[in-house]
Amino acid sequence: MNVPAWLWVVTVVGLITVIFFDFYLISRNPRDPSMRECTGWIGVYVGLAVLFGLGVLLTSGPQYGGEFFAGWITEYSLSVDNLFVFVIIMSSFAVPREYRQKVLSIGIVIALVMRGIFILVGYEAITRFDWLFYVFGAFLVYTAWKLMAHKDEEEDEFKENAMLRFVKKIVPATDTYSGARMTVKVSGRRMVTPMLIVMVAIGTTDLLFALDSIPAIFGLTKEPYLVFTANAFALMGLRQLFFLIGGLLDKLVYLSIGLSVVLGFIGLKLISEALHHDGVSWAPEIPILVSLGIIVGTLAVTTVASLWKVRRDRDKELDSLADEAPVSDPDPA
């Protein structure tokens, strides 16, 4: 895929413009957004991603168009799983509800910049060392197994990563928030507020998730332009998604199983295609349309099965309560 420099510039400028406009709207009126507002914005971001994918399809062909859609859907699904940890971070730092949008927006910008660096490093590495595909594939298979094995364990507390511990150690910070401000003067000394700390927590924690998602998308496309744009579109609507499905996350009880299947499939795909390129005749190359079908099908089955289980459990609970309810005596009159 031949991507000229001007297209990279236009893409990055376009993404920055959308992000700044979104941030401008938040800064004007900090609040807890409504469900209707979140749904509308998610529709806009999903629509932009679909239009971009159709543009890739029309200008570069179905192969690259399919690679973008497969990568974007995979990254978006993994981002939904990240929301579990974002909820825990927000609770751990007791972020005021009206400022959560700002925290998520800046945290996501930090994550996007760090992912861009990670994508560049990863692309340079795999172009020089073909054997890294085996490493990425094995890592994804291991991650899938770990996710499947620990699907019943709940993460009930946030564990600080090394970057966050470093920031908290070297930067003087206050114990309380000062509105939405990230720094404040206390007795003539400039100090950061918990607002900045939680933004660093969101951004750096997302980078840890990228250790899974970046190798996964490199298993679907080797084009850095598609890798970057798929990640960007997946992150852009994450803030609204946080507020929209924050109360629905507990209903996606089979999400970890679905994601483990997707990661395991992509890991095996990476290994198989690496073997194929190394001359192993029995190792197939899996077409991108097959990959896209497996990813979408797995996530659809996971979602439907999750909602069905939650509804079945709720009906059983209601039936149990009805059976235990005392029966009143009929009116003797």
C-alpha atoms as a PDB file:
ATOM      1  CA  MET A   1       0.000   0.000   0.000  1.00  0.00           C
ATOM      2  CA  ASN A   2       1.609   3.228  -1.182  1.00  0.00           C
ATOM      3  CA  VAL A   3       0.678   6.043   1.207  1.00  0.00           C
ATOM      4  CA  PRO A   4       2.178   9.423   0.220  1.00  0.00           C
ATOM      5  CA  ALA A   5       3.476  11.788   2.871  1.00  0.00           C
ATOM      6  CA  TRP A   6       0.707  14.325   2.208  1.00  0.00           C
ATOM      7  CA  LEU A   7      -1.941  11.718   3.030  1.00  0.00           C
ATOM      8  CA  TRP A   8      -0.257  10.982   6.350  1.00  0.00           C
ATOM      9  CA  VAL A   9      -0.236  14.717   7.091  1.00  0.00           C
ATOM     10  CA  VAL A  10      -3.895  15.159   6.108  1.00  0.00           C
ATOM     11  CA  THR A  11      -4.916  12.142   8.208  1.00  0.00           C
ATOM     12  CA  VAL A  12      -3.045  13.280  11.316  1.00  0.00           C
ATOM     13  CA  VAL A  13      -4.288  16.863  10.976  1.00  0.00           C
ATOM     14  CA  GLY A  14      -7.850  15.614  10.493  1.00  0.00           C
ATOM     15  CA  LEU A  15      -7.650  13.433  13.611  1.00  0.00           C
ATOM     16  CA  ILE A  16      -6.149  16.274  15.650  1.00  0.00           C
ATOM     17  CA  THR A  17      -8.913  18.630  14.459  1.00  0.00           C
ATOM     18  CA  VAL A  18     -11.652  16.201  15.510  1.00  0.00           C
ATOM     19  CA  ILE A  19     -10.007  15.600  18.896  1.00  0.00           C
ATOM     20  CA  PHE A  20      -9.549  19.328  19.588  1.00  0.00           C
ATOM     21  CA  PHE A  21     -13.135  20.086  18.580  1.00  0.00           C
ATOM     22  CA  ASP A  22     -14.367  17.339  20.885  1.00  0.00           C
ATOM     23  CA  PHE A  23     -12.190  18.683  23.714  1.00  0.00           C
ATOM     24  CA  TYR A  24     -13.439  22.239  23.070  1.00  0.00           C
ATOM     25  CA  LEU A  25     -17.036  21.111  23.530  1.00  0.00           C
ATOM     26  CA  ILE A  26     -16.128  19.384  26.796  1.00  0.00           C
ATOM     27  CA  SER A  27     -14.258  22.407  28.159  1.00  0.00           C
ATOM     28  CA  ARG A  28     -17.195  24.715  27.438  1.00  0.00           C
ATOM     29  CA  ASN A  29     -19.656  22.677  29.454  1.00  0.00           C
ATOM     30  CA  PRO A  30     -18.120  20.037  31.774  1.00  0.00           C
ATOM     31  CA  ARG A  31     -20.847  17.615  32.845  1.00  0.00           C
ATOM     32  CA  ASP A  32     -21.972  14.021  32.915  1.00  0.00           C
ATOM     33  CA  PRO A  33     -23.227  13.448  29.325  1.00  0.00           C
ATOM     34  CA  SER A  34     -26.667  12.044  28.593  1.00  0.00           C
ATOM     35  CA  MET A  35     -27.257   8.670  26.957  1.00  0.00           C
ATOM     36  CA  ARG A  36     -28.696  10.405  23.895  1.00  0.00           C
ATOM     37  CA  GLU A  37     -25.613  12.599  23.507  1.00  0.00           C
ATOM     38  CA  CYS A  38     -23.234   9.644  23.862  1.00  0.00           C
ATOM     39  CA  THR A  39     -25.206   7.589  21.353  1.00  0.00           C
ATOM     40  CA  GLY A  40     -25.102  10.442  18.839  1.00  0.00           C
ATOM     41  CA  TRP A  41     -21.346  10.965  19.145  1.00  0.00           C
ATOM     42  CA  ILE A  42     -20.615   7.243  18.926  1.00  0.00           C
ATOM     43  CA  GLY A  43     -22.720   7.159  15.770  1.00  0.00           C
ATOM     44  CA  VAL A  44     -20.611  10.008  14.358  1.00  0.00           C
ATOM     45  CA  TYR A  45     -17.295   8.298  15.155  1.00  0.00           C
ATOM     46  CA  VAL A  46     -18.448   4.914  13.889  1.00  0.00           C
ATOM     47  CA  GLY A  47     -19.759   6.607  10.751  1.00  0.00           C
ATOM     48  CA  LEU A  48     -16.401   8.328  10.193  1.00  0.00           C
ATOM     49  CA  ALA A  49     -14.591   5.002  10.601  1.00  0.00           C
ATOM     50  CA  VAL A  50     -16.945   3.275   8.155  1.00  0.00           C
ATOM     51  CA  LEU A  51     -16.559   6.089   5.601  1.00  0.00           C
ATOM     52  CA  PHE A  52     -12.781   5.919   5.971  1.00  0.00           C
ATOM     53  CA  GLY A  53     -12.841   2.144   5.491  1.00  0.00           C
ATOM     54  CA  LEU A  54     -15.017   2.509   2.391  1.00  0.00           C
ATOM     55  CA  GLY A  55     -12.539   5.086   1.087  1.00  0.00           C
ATOM     56  CA  VAL A  56      -9.696   2.603   1.572  1.00  0.00           C
ATOM     57  CA  LEU A  57     -11.824  -0.066  -0.123  1.00  0.00           C
ATOM     58  CA  LEU A  58     -12.524   2.097  -3.171  1.00  0.00           C
ATOM     59  CA  THR A  59      -9.014   3.518  -3.584  1.00  0.00           C
ATOM     60  CA  SER A  60      -6.833   0.568  -2.565  1.00  0.00           C
ATOM     61  CA  GLY A  61      -9.017  -2.493  -3.137  1.00  0.00           C
ATOM     62  CA  PRO A  62     -10.883  -5.048  -1.032  1.00  0.00           C
ATOM     63  CA  GLN A  63      -7.716  -6.525   0.498  1.00  0.00           C
ATOM     64  CA  TYR A  64      -6.700  -3.330   2.286  1.00  0.00           C
ATOM     65  CA  GLY A  65     -10.304  -2.314   2.938  1.00  0.00           C
ATOM     66  CA  GLY A  66     -10.909  -5.653   4.634  1.00  0.00           C
ATOM     67  CA  GLU A  67      -7.702  -5.291   6.627  1.00  0.00           C
ATOM     68  CA  PHE A  68      -8.806  -1.896   7.960  1.00  0.00           C
ATOM     69  CA  PHE A  69     -12.260  -3.114   8.986  1.00  0.00           C
ATOM     70  CA  ALA A  70     -10.845  -6.265  10.613  1.00  0.00           C
ATOM     71  CA  GLY A  71      -8.254  -4.219  12.505  1.00  0.00           C
ATOM     72  CA  TRP A  72     -10.701  -1.509  13.555  1.00  0.00           C
ATOM     73  CA  ILE A  73     -13.328  -3.971  14.802  1.00  0.00           C
ATOM     74  CA  THR A  74     -10.683  -5.924  16.729  1.00  0.00           C
ATOM     75  CA  GLU A  75      -9.200  -2.773  18.305  1.00  0.00           C
ATOM     76  CA  TYR A  76     -12.652  -1.422  19.136  1.00  0.00           C
ATOM     77  CA  SER A  77     -13.637  -4.678  20.816  1.00  0.00           C
ATOM     78  CA  LEU A  78     -10.435  -4.756  22.853  1.00  0.00           C
ATOM     79  CA  SER A  79     -11.085  -1.113  23.820  1.00  0.00           C
ATOM     80  CA  VAL A  80     -14.476  -2.115  25.238  1.00  0.00           C
ATOM     81  CA  ASP A  81     -12.661  -4.573  27.495  1.00  0.00           C
ATOM     82  CA  ASN A  82     -10.348  -1.727  28.588  1.00  0.00           C
ATOM     83  CA  LEU A  83     -13.364   0.166  29.915  1.00  0.00           C
ATOM     84  CA  PHE A  84     -13.541  -2.234  32.862  1.00  0.00           C
ATOM     85  CA  VAL A  85     -10.190  -0.927  34.072  1.00  0.00           C
ATOM     86  CA  PHE A  86     -11.081   2.693  33.271  1.00  0.00           C
ATOM     87  CA  VAL A  87     -14.123   2.380  35.541  1.00  0.00           C
ATOM     88  CA  ILE A  88     -11.889   1.081  38.334  1.00  0.00           C
ATOM     89  CA  ILE A  89      -9.369   3.905  37.817  1.00  0.00           C
ATOM     90  CA  MET A  90     -12.096   6.550  37.982  1.00  0.00           C
ATOM     91  CA  SER A  91     -13.426   5.038  41.198  1.00  0.00           C
ATOM     92  CA  SER A  92      -9.962   4.630  42.743  1.00  0.00           C
ATOM     93  CA  PHE A  93      -9.119   8.299  42.176  1.00  0.00           C
ATOM     94  CA  ALA A  94     -12.639   9.466  43.082  1.00  0.00           C
ATOM     95  CA  VAL A  95     -12.863  11.627  39.959  1.00  0.00           C
ATOM     96  CA  PRO A  96     -15.858  14.034  40.113  1.00  0.00           C
ATOM     97  CA  ARG A  97     -18.440  12.939  37.537  1.00  0.00           C
ATOM     98  CA  GLU A  98     -18.533  16.307  35.784  1.00  0.00           C
ATOM     99  CA  TYR A  99     -14.802  16.096  35.019  1.00  0.00           C
ATOM    100  CA  ARG A 100     -14.623  12.495  33.852  1.00  0.00           C
ATOM    101  CA  GLN A 101     -15.043  13.505  30.208  1.00  0.00           C
ATOM    102  CA  LYS A 102     -11.968  15.736  30.375  1.00  0.00           C
ATOM    103  CA  VAL A 103      -9.927  13.047  32.118  1.00  0.00           C
ATOM    104  CA  LEU A 104     -10.837  10.464  29.482  1.00  0.00           C
ATOM    105  CA  SER A 105     -10.224  12.840  26.570  1.00  0.00           C
ATOM    106  CA  ILE A 106      -6.710  13.838  27.616  1.00  0.00           C
ATOM    107  CA  GLY A 107      -5.903  10.297  28.745  1.00  0.00           C
ATOM    108  CA  ILE A 108      -6.955   8.987  25.344  1.00  0.00           C
ATOM    109  CA  VAL A 109      -4.804  11.611  23.565  1.00  0.00           C
ATOM    110  CA  ILE A 110      -1.822  10.452  25.655  1.00  0.00           C
ATOM    111  CA  ALA A 111      -2.659   6.866  24.718  1.00  0.00           C
ATOM    112  CA  LEU A 112      -2.922   7.716  21.014  1.00  0.00           C
ATOM    113  CA  VAL A 113       0.479   9.434  20.975  1.00  0.00           C
ATOM    114  CA  MET A 114       2.124   6.554  22.827  1.00  0.00           C
ATOM    115  CA  ARG A 115       0.450   3.988  20.567  1.00  0.00           C
ATOM    116  CA  GLY A 116       1.720   5.881  17.527  1.00  0.00           C
ATOM    117  CA  ILE A 117       5.272   5.553  18.849  1.00  0.00           C
ATOM    118  CA  PHE A 118       4.657   1.895  19.676  1.00  0.00           C
ATOM    119  CA  ILE A 119       3.299   1.236  16.155  1.00  0.00           C
ATOM    120  CA  LEU A 120       6.344   2.874  14.562  1.00  0.00           C
ATOM    121  CA  VAL A 121       8.748   0.833  16.692  1.00  0.00           C
ATOM    122  CA  GLY A 122       6.775  -2.360  16.032  1.00  0.00           C
ATOM    123  CA  TYR A 123       6.695  -1.805  12.287  1.00  0.00           C
ATOM    124  CA  GLU A 124      10.429  -1.123  12.113  1.00  0.00           C
ATOM    125  CA  ALA A 125      11.066  -4.254  14.178  1.00  0.00           C
ATOM    126  CA  ILE A 126       8.960  -6.651  12.091  1.00  0.00           C
ATOM    127  CA  THR A 127      10.398  -5.350   8.805  1.00  0.00           C
ATOM    128  CA  ARG A 128      13.900  -6.166  10.044  1.00  0.00           C
ATOM    129  CA  PHE A 129      13.255  -9.329  12.044  1.00  0.00           C
ATOM    130  CA  ASP A 130      10.774 -11.743  10.450  1.00  0.00           C
ATOM    131  CA  TRP A 131      11.026 -14.116  13.402  1.00  0.00           C
ATOM    132  CA  LEU A 132       9.127 -11.574  15.521  1.00  0.00           C
ATOM    133  CA  PHE A 133       5.907 -12.840  13.914  1.00  0.00           C
ATOM    134  CA  TYR A 134       6.424 -16.115  15.758  1.00  0.00           C
ATOM    135  CA  VAL A 135       6.959 -14.185  18.987  1.00  0.00           C
ATOM    136  CA  PHE A 136       3.853 -12.044  18.427  1.00  0.00           C
ATOM    137  CA  GLY A 137       1.792 -15.099  17.527  1.00  0.00           C
ATOM    138  CA  ALA A 138       2.917 -17.083  20.566  1.00  0.00           C
ATOM    139  CA  PHE A 139       2.319 -14.054  22.800  1.00  0.00           C
ATOM    140  CA  LEU A 140      -1.244 -13.644  21.504  1.00  0.00           C
ATOM    141  CA  VAL A 141      -1.991 -17.343  21.988  1.00  0.00           C
ATOM    142  CA  TYR A 142      -0.635 -17.106  25.549  1.00  0.00           C
ATOM    143  CA  THR A 143      -2.697 -13.966  26.182  1.00  0.00           C
ATOM    144  CA  ALA A 144      -5.808 -15.725  24.864  1.00  0.00           C
ATOM    145  CA  TRP A 145      -5.191 -18.694  27.170  1.00  0.00           C
ATOM    146  CA  LYS A 146      -4.611 -16.392  30.148  1.00  0.00           C
ATOM    147  CA  LEU A 147      -7.769 -14.431  29.394  1.00  0.00           C
ATOM    148  CA  MET A 148      -9.785 -17.622  29.089  1.00  0.00           C
ATOM    149  CA  ALA A 149      -8.286 -19.182  32.223  1.00  0.00           C
ATOM    150  CA  HIS A 150      -9.020 -16.099  34.351  1.00  0.00           C
ATOM    151  CA  LYS A 151     -12.390 -15.189  32.868  1.00  0.00           C
ATOM    152  CA  ASP A 152     -14.153 -15.725  36.216  1.00  0.00           C
ATOM    153  CA  GLU A 153     -11.750 -13.596  38.217  1.00  0.00           C
ATOM    154  CA  GLU A 154     -12.816 -10.006  38.788  1.00  0.00           C
ATOM    155  CA  GLU A 155     -10.286  -7.210  38.854  1.00  0.00           C
ATOM    156  CA  ASP A 156     -11.541  -5.267  41.871  1.00  0.00           C
ATOM    157  CA  GLU A 157      -8.644  -2.893  42.336  1.00  0.00           C
ATOM    158  CA  PHE A 158      -6.369  -0.799  40.193  1.00  0.00           C
ATOM    159  CA  LYS A 159      -2.660  -1.664  40.190  1.00  0.00           C
ATOM    160  CA  GLU A 160      -0.389   1.278  39.468  1.00  0.00           C
ATOM    161  CA  ASN A 161       2.061   0.796  36.617  1.00  0.00           C
ATOM    162  CA  ALA A 162       5.723   1.846  36.695  1.00  0.00           C
ATOM    163  CA  MET A 163       5.148   5.099  34.779  1.00  0.00           C
ATOM    164  CA  LEU A 164       2.449   6.232  37.188  1.00  0.00           C
ATOM    165  CA  ARG A 165       4.561   5.373  40.238  1.00  0.00           C
ATOM    166  CA  PHE A 166       7.450   7.342  38.722  1.00  0.00           C
ATOM    167  CA  VAL A 167       5.272  10.419  38.106  1.00  0.00           C
ATOM    168  CA  LYS A 168       3.818  10.330  41.625  1.00  0.00           C
ATOM    169  CA  LYS A 169       7.298   9.964  43.103  1.00  0.00           C
ATOM    170  CA  ILE A 170       8.993  12.899  41.377  1.00  0.00           C
ATOM    171  CA  VAL A 171       6.078  15.338  41.012  1.00  0.00           C
ATOM    172  CA  PRO A 172       4.636  17.046  44.108  1.00  0.00           C
ATOM    173  CA  ALA A 173       0.880  16.527  44.161  1.00  0.00           C
ATOM    174  CA  THR A 174      -2.066  17.717  46.227  1.00  0.00           C
ATOM    175  CA  ASP A 175      -4.483  15.354  47.923  1.00  0.00           C
ATOM    176  CA  THR A 176      -7.607  17.092  46.658  1.00  0.00           C
ATOM    177  CA  TYR A 177      -9.008  18.235  43.317  1.00  0.00           C
ATOM    178  CA  SER A 178      -9.137  21.904  42.345  1.00  0.00           C
ATOM    179  CA  GLY A 179     -11.950  21.843  39.817  1.00  0.00           C
ATOM    180  CA  ALA A 180     -10.654  20.654  36.462  1.00  0.00           C
ATOM    181  CA  ARG A 181      -7.211  22.219  36.965  1.00  0.00           C
ATOM    182  CA  MET A 182      -4.169  20.005  36.531  1.00  0.00           C
ATOM    183  CA  THR A 183      -1.796  22.228  38.510  1.00  0.00           C
ATOM    184  CA  VAL A 184      -2.273  24.643  41.415  1.00  0.00           C
ATOM    185  CA  LYS A 185      -0.082  26.880  43.574  1.00  0.00           C
ATOM    186  CA  VAL A 186       0.092  25.961  47.255  1.00  0.00           C
ATOM    187  CA  SER A 187       2.088  28.330  49.489  1.00  0.00           C
ATOM    188  CA  GLY A 188       3.885  29.672  46.430  1.00  0.00           C
ATOM    189  CA  ARG A 189       4.805  26.167  45.228  1.00  0.00           C
ATOM    190  CA  ARG A 190       3.464  24.766  41.960  1.00  0.00           C
ATOM    191  CA  MET A 191       1.897  21.330  42.490  1.00  0.00           C
ATOM    192  CA  VAL A 192      -0.117  18.969  40.324  1.00  0.00           C
ATOM    193  CA  THR A 193      -3.592  17.855  41.270  1.00  0.00           C
ATOM    194  CA  PRO A 194      -5.014  14.312  41.173  1.00  0.00           C
ATOM    195  CA  MET A 195      -6.567  15.361  37.841  1.00  0.00           C
ATOM    196  CA  LEU A 196      -3.189  15.118  36.098  1.00  0.00           C
ATOM    197  CA  ILE A 197      -2.286  11.892  37.890  1.00  0.00           C
ATOM    198  CA  VAL A 198      -5.463  10.127  36.776  1.00  0.00           C
ATOM    199  CA  MET A 199      -4.909  11.299  33.177  1.00  0.00           C
ATOM    200  CA  VAL A 200      -1.466   9.697  33.263  1.00  0.00           C
ATOM    201  CA  ALA A 201      -3.065   6.577  34.747  1.00  0.00           C
ATOM    202  CA  ILE A 202      -5.582   6.325  31.885  1.00  0.00           C
ATOM    203  CA  GLY A 203      -2.998   6.967  29.157  1.00  0.00           C
ATOM    204  CA  THR A 204      -0.264   4.652  30.450  1.00  0.00           C
ATOM    205  CA  THR A 205      -2.670   1.884  31.417  1.00  0.00           C
ATOM    206  CA  ASP A 206      -4.037   1.912  27.865  1.00  0.00           C
ATOM    207  CA  LEU A 207      -0.483   1.455  26.614  1.00  0.00           C
ATOM    208  CA  LEU A 208      -0.274  -1.773  28.620  1.00  0.00           C
ATOM    209  CA  PHE A 209      -3.366  -2.991  26.772  1.00  0.00           C
ATOM    210  CA  ALA A 210      -1.604  -2.065  23.532  1.00  0.00           C
ATOM    211  CA  LEU A 211       0.872  -4.865  24.277  1.00  0.00           C
ATOM    212  CA  ASP A 212      -1.980  -7.174  23.245  1.00  0.00           C
ATOM    213  CA  SER A 213      -3.797  -5.077  20.663  1.00  0.00           C
ATOM    214  CA  ILE A 214      -0.840  -3.864  18.577  1.00  0.00           C
ATOM    215  CA  PRO A 215       0.516  -7.384  17.884  1.00  0.00           C
ATOM    216  CA  ALA A 216      -3.082  -8.443  17.187  1.00  0.00           C
ATOM    217  CA  ILE A 217      -3.622  -5.839  14.484  1.00  0.00           C
ATOM    218  CA  PHE A 218      -0.193  -6.546  12.970  1.00  0.00           C
ATOM    219  CA  GLY A 219      -1.546 -10.068  12.575  1.00  0.00           C
ATOM    220  CA  LEU A 220      -4.302  -8.641  10.356  1.00  0.00           C
ATOM    221  CA  THR A 221      -2.377  -6.010   8.395  1.00  0.00           C
ATOM    222  CA  LYS A 222       1.274  -5.092   7.962  1.00  0.00           C
ATOM    223  CA  GLU A 223       0.451  -1.581   6.733  1.00  0.00           C
ATOM    224  CA  PRO A 224       1.430   1.039   9.373  1.00  0.00           C
ATOM    225  CA  TYR A 225      -1.105   3.515   7.959  1.00  0.00           C
ATOM    226  CA  LEU A 226      -3.967   1.064   8.510  1.00  0.00           C
ATOM    227  CA  VAL A 227      -2.623   0.056  11.930  1.00  0.00           C
ATOM    228  CA  PHE A 228      -2.486   3.688  13.067  1.00  0.00           C
ATOM    229  CA  THR A 229      -5.873   4.746  11.678  1.00  0.00           C
ATOM    230  CA  ALA A 230      -7.630   1.642  13.036  1.00  0.00           C
ATOM    231  CA  ASN A 231      -6.228   2.414  16.500  1.00  0.00           C
ATOM    232  CA  ALA A 232      -7.136   6.103  16.198  1.00  0.00           C
ATOM    233  CA  PHE A 233     -10.747   5.424  15.225  1.00  0.00           C
ATOM    234  CA  ALA A 234     -11.057   2.800  17.981  1.00  0.00           C
ATOM    235  CA  LEU A 235      -9.867   5.285  20.615  1.00  0.00           C
ATOM    236  CA  MET A 236     -11.766   8.337  19.367  1.00  0.00           C
ATOM    237  CA  GLY A 237     -15.199   7.136  20.487  1.00  0.00           C
ATOM    238  CA  LEU A 238     -13.967   5.510  23.673  1.00  0.00           C
ATOM    239  CA  ARG A 239     -14.947   8.426  25.928  1.00  0.00           C
ATOM    240  CA  GLN A 240     -18.601   8.358  24.873  1.00  0.00           C
ATOM    241  CA  LEU A 241     -18.588   4.566  24.991  1.00  0.00           C
ATOM    242  CA  PHE A 242     -17.437   4.765  28.624  1.00  0.00           C
ATOM    243  CA  PHE A 243     -20.561   6.684  29.605  1.00  0.00           C
ATOM    244  CA  LEU A 244     -22.911   4.801  27.291  1.00  0.00           C
ATOM    245  CA  ILE A 245     -22.158   1.240  28.299  1.00  0.00           C
ATOM    246  CA  GLY A 246     -20.611   1.839  31.723  1.00  0.00           C
ATOM    247  CA  GLY A 247     -23.711   0.333  33.293  1.00  0.00           C
ATOM    248  CA  LEU A 248     -23.913  -2.433  30.688  1.00  0.00           C
ATOM    249  CA  LEU A 249     -20.397  -3.842  31.066  1.00  0.00           C
ATOM    250  CA  ASP A 250     -21.541  -6.348  33.676  1.00  0.00           C
ATOM    251  CA  LYS A 251     -23.993  -7.761  31.115  1.00  0.00           C
ATOM    252  CA  LEU A 252     -21.205  -8.700  28.691  1.00  0.00           C
ATOM    253  CA  VAL A 253     -20.386 -11.769  30.752  1.00  0.00           C
ATOM    254  CA  TYR A 254     -18.844 -13.684  27.846  1.00  0.00           C
ATOM    255  CA  LEU A 255     -16.797 -10.781  26.476  1.00  0.00           C
ATOM    256  CA  SER A 256     -13.501 -12.153  27.778  1.00  0.00           C
ATOM    257  CA  ILE A 257     -14.221 -15.521  26.134  1.00  0.00           C
ATOM    258  CA  GLY A 258     -14.960 -13.870  22.799  1.00  0.00           C
ATOM    259  CA  LEU A 259     -11.830 -11.727  22.977  1.00  0.00           C
ATOM    260  CA  SER A 260      -9.715 -14.744  23.912  1.00  0.00           C
ATOM    261  CA  VAL A 261     -11.024 -16.593  20.840  1.00  0.00           C
ATOM    262  CA  VAL A 262     -10.227 -13.585  18.613  1.00  0.00           C
ATOM    263  CA  LEU A 263      -6.721 -13.144  20.048  1.00  0.00           C
ATOM    264  CA  GLY A 264      -6.023 -16.873  19.842  1.00  0.00           C
ATOM    265  CA  PHE A 265      -7.177 -16.992  16.215  1.00  0.00           C
ATOM    266  CA  ILE A 266      -5.000 -14.014  15.244  1.00  0.00           C
ATOM    267  CA  GLY A 267      -2.023 -15.536  17.072  1.00  0.00           C
ATOM    268  CA  LEU A 268      -2.395 -18.815  15.181  1.00  0.00           C
ATOM    269  CA  LYS A 269      -2.892 -16.851  11.950  1.00  0.00           C
ATOM    270  CA  LEU A 270       0.405 -15.028  12.531  1.00  0.00           C
ATOM    271  CA  ILE A 271       2.282 -18.261  13.186  1.00  0.00           C
ATOM    272  CA  SER A 272       0.687 -20.039  10.214  1.00  0.00           C
ATOM    273  CA  GLU A 273       1.479 -17.242   7.784  1.00  0.00           C
ATOM    274  CA  ALA A 274       5.037 -16.927   9.100  1.00  0.00           C
ATOM    275  CA  LEU A 275       5.515 -20.662   8.498  1.00  0.00           C
ATOM    276  CA  HIS A 276       3.993 -20.318   5.023  1.00  0.00           C
ATOM    277  CA  HIS A 277       6.432 -17.554   4.117  1.00  0.00           C
ATOM    278  CA  ASP A 278       9.280 -19.704   5.406  1.00  0.00           C
ATOM    279  CA  GLY A 279       8.345 -22.439   2.923  1.00  0.00           C
ATOM    280  CA  VAL A 280       6.191 -24.755   5.060  1.00  0.00           C
ATOM    281  CA  SER A 281       3.665 -26.033   2.511  1.00  0.00           C
ATOM    282  CA  TRP A 282       0.978 -27.241   4.939  1.00  0.00           C
ATOM    283  CA  ALA A 283       0.719 -23.873   6.714  1.00  0.00           C
ATOM    284  CA  PRO A 284      -2.025 -21.829   5.005  1.00  0.00           C
ATOM    285  CA  GLU A 285      -2.367 -18.106   4.451  1.00  0.00           C
ATOM    286  CA  ILE A 286      -5.747 -17.064   5.814  1.00  0.00           C
ATOM    287  CA  PRO A 287      -7.571 -14.528   3.580  1.00  0.00           C
ATOM    288  CA  ILE A 288      -8.529 -11.276   5.267  1.00  0.00           C
ATOM    289  CA  LEU A 289     -12.229 -11.781   4.493  1.00  0.00           C
ATOM    290  CA  VAL A 290     -12.128 -15.085   6.376  1.00  0.00           C
ATOM    291  CA  SER A 291     -10.433 -13.340   9.295  1.00  0.00           C
ATOM    292  CA  LEU A 292     -13.019 -10.549   9.237  1.00  0.00           C
ATOM    293  CA  GLY A 293     -15.869 -13.074   9.219  1.00  0.00           C
ATOM    294  CA  ILE A 294     -14.431 -15.021  12.151  1.00  0.00           C
ATOM    295  CA  ILE A 295     -13.847 -11.852  14.193  1.00  0.00           C
ATOM    296  CA  VAL A 296     -17.298 -10.370  13.558  1.00  0.00           C
ATOM    297  CA  GLY A 297     -19.022 -13.732  14.002  1.00  0.00           C
ATOM    298  CA  THR A 298     -17.251 -14.452  17.291  1.00  0.00           C
ATOM    299  CA  LEU A 299     -18.062 -11.040  18.747  1.00  0.00           C
ATOM    300  CA  ALA A 300     -21.695 -11.239  17.595  1.00  0.00           C
ATOM    301  CA  VAL A 301     -22.173 -14.685  19.158  1.00  0.00           C
ATOM    302  CA  THR A 302     -20.451 -13.475  22.339  1.00  0.00           C
ATOM    303  CA  THR A 303     -22.746 -10.448  22.643  1.00  0.00           C
ATOM    304  CA  VAL A 304     -25.955 -12.381  21.954  1.00  0.00           C
ATOM    305  CA  ALA A 305     -24.975 -15.192  24.331  1.00  0.00           C
ATOM    306  CA  SER A 306     -24.091 -12.668  27.064  1.00  0.00           C
ATOM    307  CA  LEU A 307     -27.421 -10.849  26.802  1.00  0.00           C
ATOM    308  CA  TRP A 308     -29.297 -14.162  26.698  1.00  0.00           C
ATOM    309  CA  LYS A 309     -27.562 -15.422  29.845  1.00  0.00           C
ATOM    310  CA  VAL A 310     -28.206 -12.198  31.748  1.00  0.00           C
ATOM    311  CA  ARG A 311     -31.880 -12.274  30.783  1.00  0.00           C
ATOM    312  CA  ARG A 312     -32.194 -15.962  31.704  1.00  0.00           C
ATOM    313  CA  ASP A 313     -30.553 -15.384  35.104  1.00  0.00           C
ATOM    314  CA  ARG A 314     -32.828 -12.414  35.743  1.00  0.00           C
ATOM    315  CA  ASP A 315     -35.932 -14.459  34.882  1.00  0.00           C
ATOM    316  CA  LYS A 316     -34.792 -17.262  37.194  1.00  0.00           C
ATOM    317  CA  GLU A 317     -34.247 -14.775  39.997  1.00  0.00           C
ATOM    318  CA  LEU A 318     -37.728 -13.305  39.501  1.00  0.00           C
ATOM    319  CA  ASP A 319     -39.274 -16.793  39.447  1.00  0.00           C
ATOM    320  CA  SER A 320     -37.419 -17.675  42.643  1.00  0.00           C
ATOM    321  CA  LEU A 321     -38.649 -14.534  44.379  1.00  0.00           C
ATOM    322  CA  ALA A 322     -42.193 -15.260  43.228  1.00  0.00           C
ATOM    323  CA  ASP A 323     -42.022 -18.819  44.635  1.00  0.00           C
ATOM    324  CA  GLU A 324     -40.729 -17.555  47.972  1.00  0.00           C
ATOM    325  CA  ALA A 325     -43.363 -14.823  48.320  1.00  0.00           C
ATOM    326  CA  PRO A 326     -46.014 -15.657  50.953  1.00  0.00           C
ATOM    327  CA  VAL A 327     -49.478 -16.405  49.659  1.00  0.00           C
ATOM    328  CA  SER A 328     -52.133 -14.225  51.292  1.00  0.00           C
ATOM    329  CA  ASP A 329     -55.290 -15.827  52.601  1.00  0.00           C
ATOM    330  CA  PRO A 330     -58.394 -15.212  50.557  1.00  0.00           C
ATOM    331  CA  ASP A 331     -60.833 -12.645  51.896  1.00  0.00           C
ATOM    332  CA  PRO A 332     -63.356 -14.567  54.034  1.00  0.00           C
ATOM    333  CA  ALA A 333     -66.016 -12.092  53.035  1.00  0.00           C
END
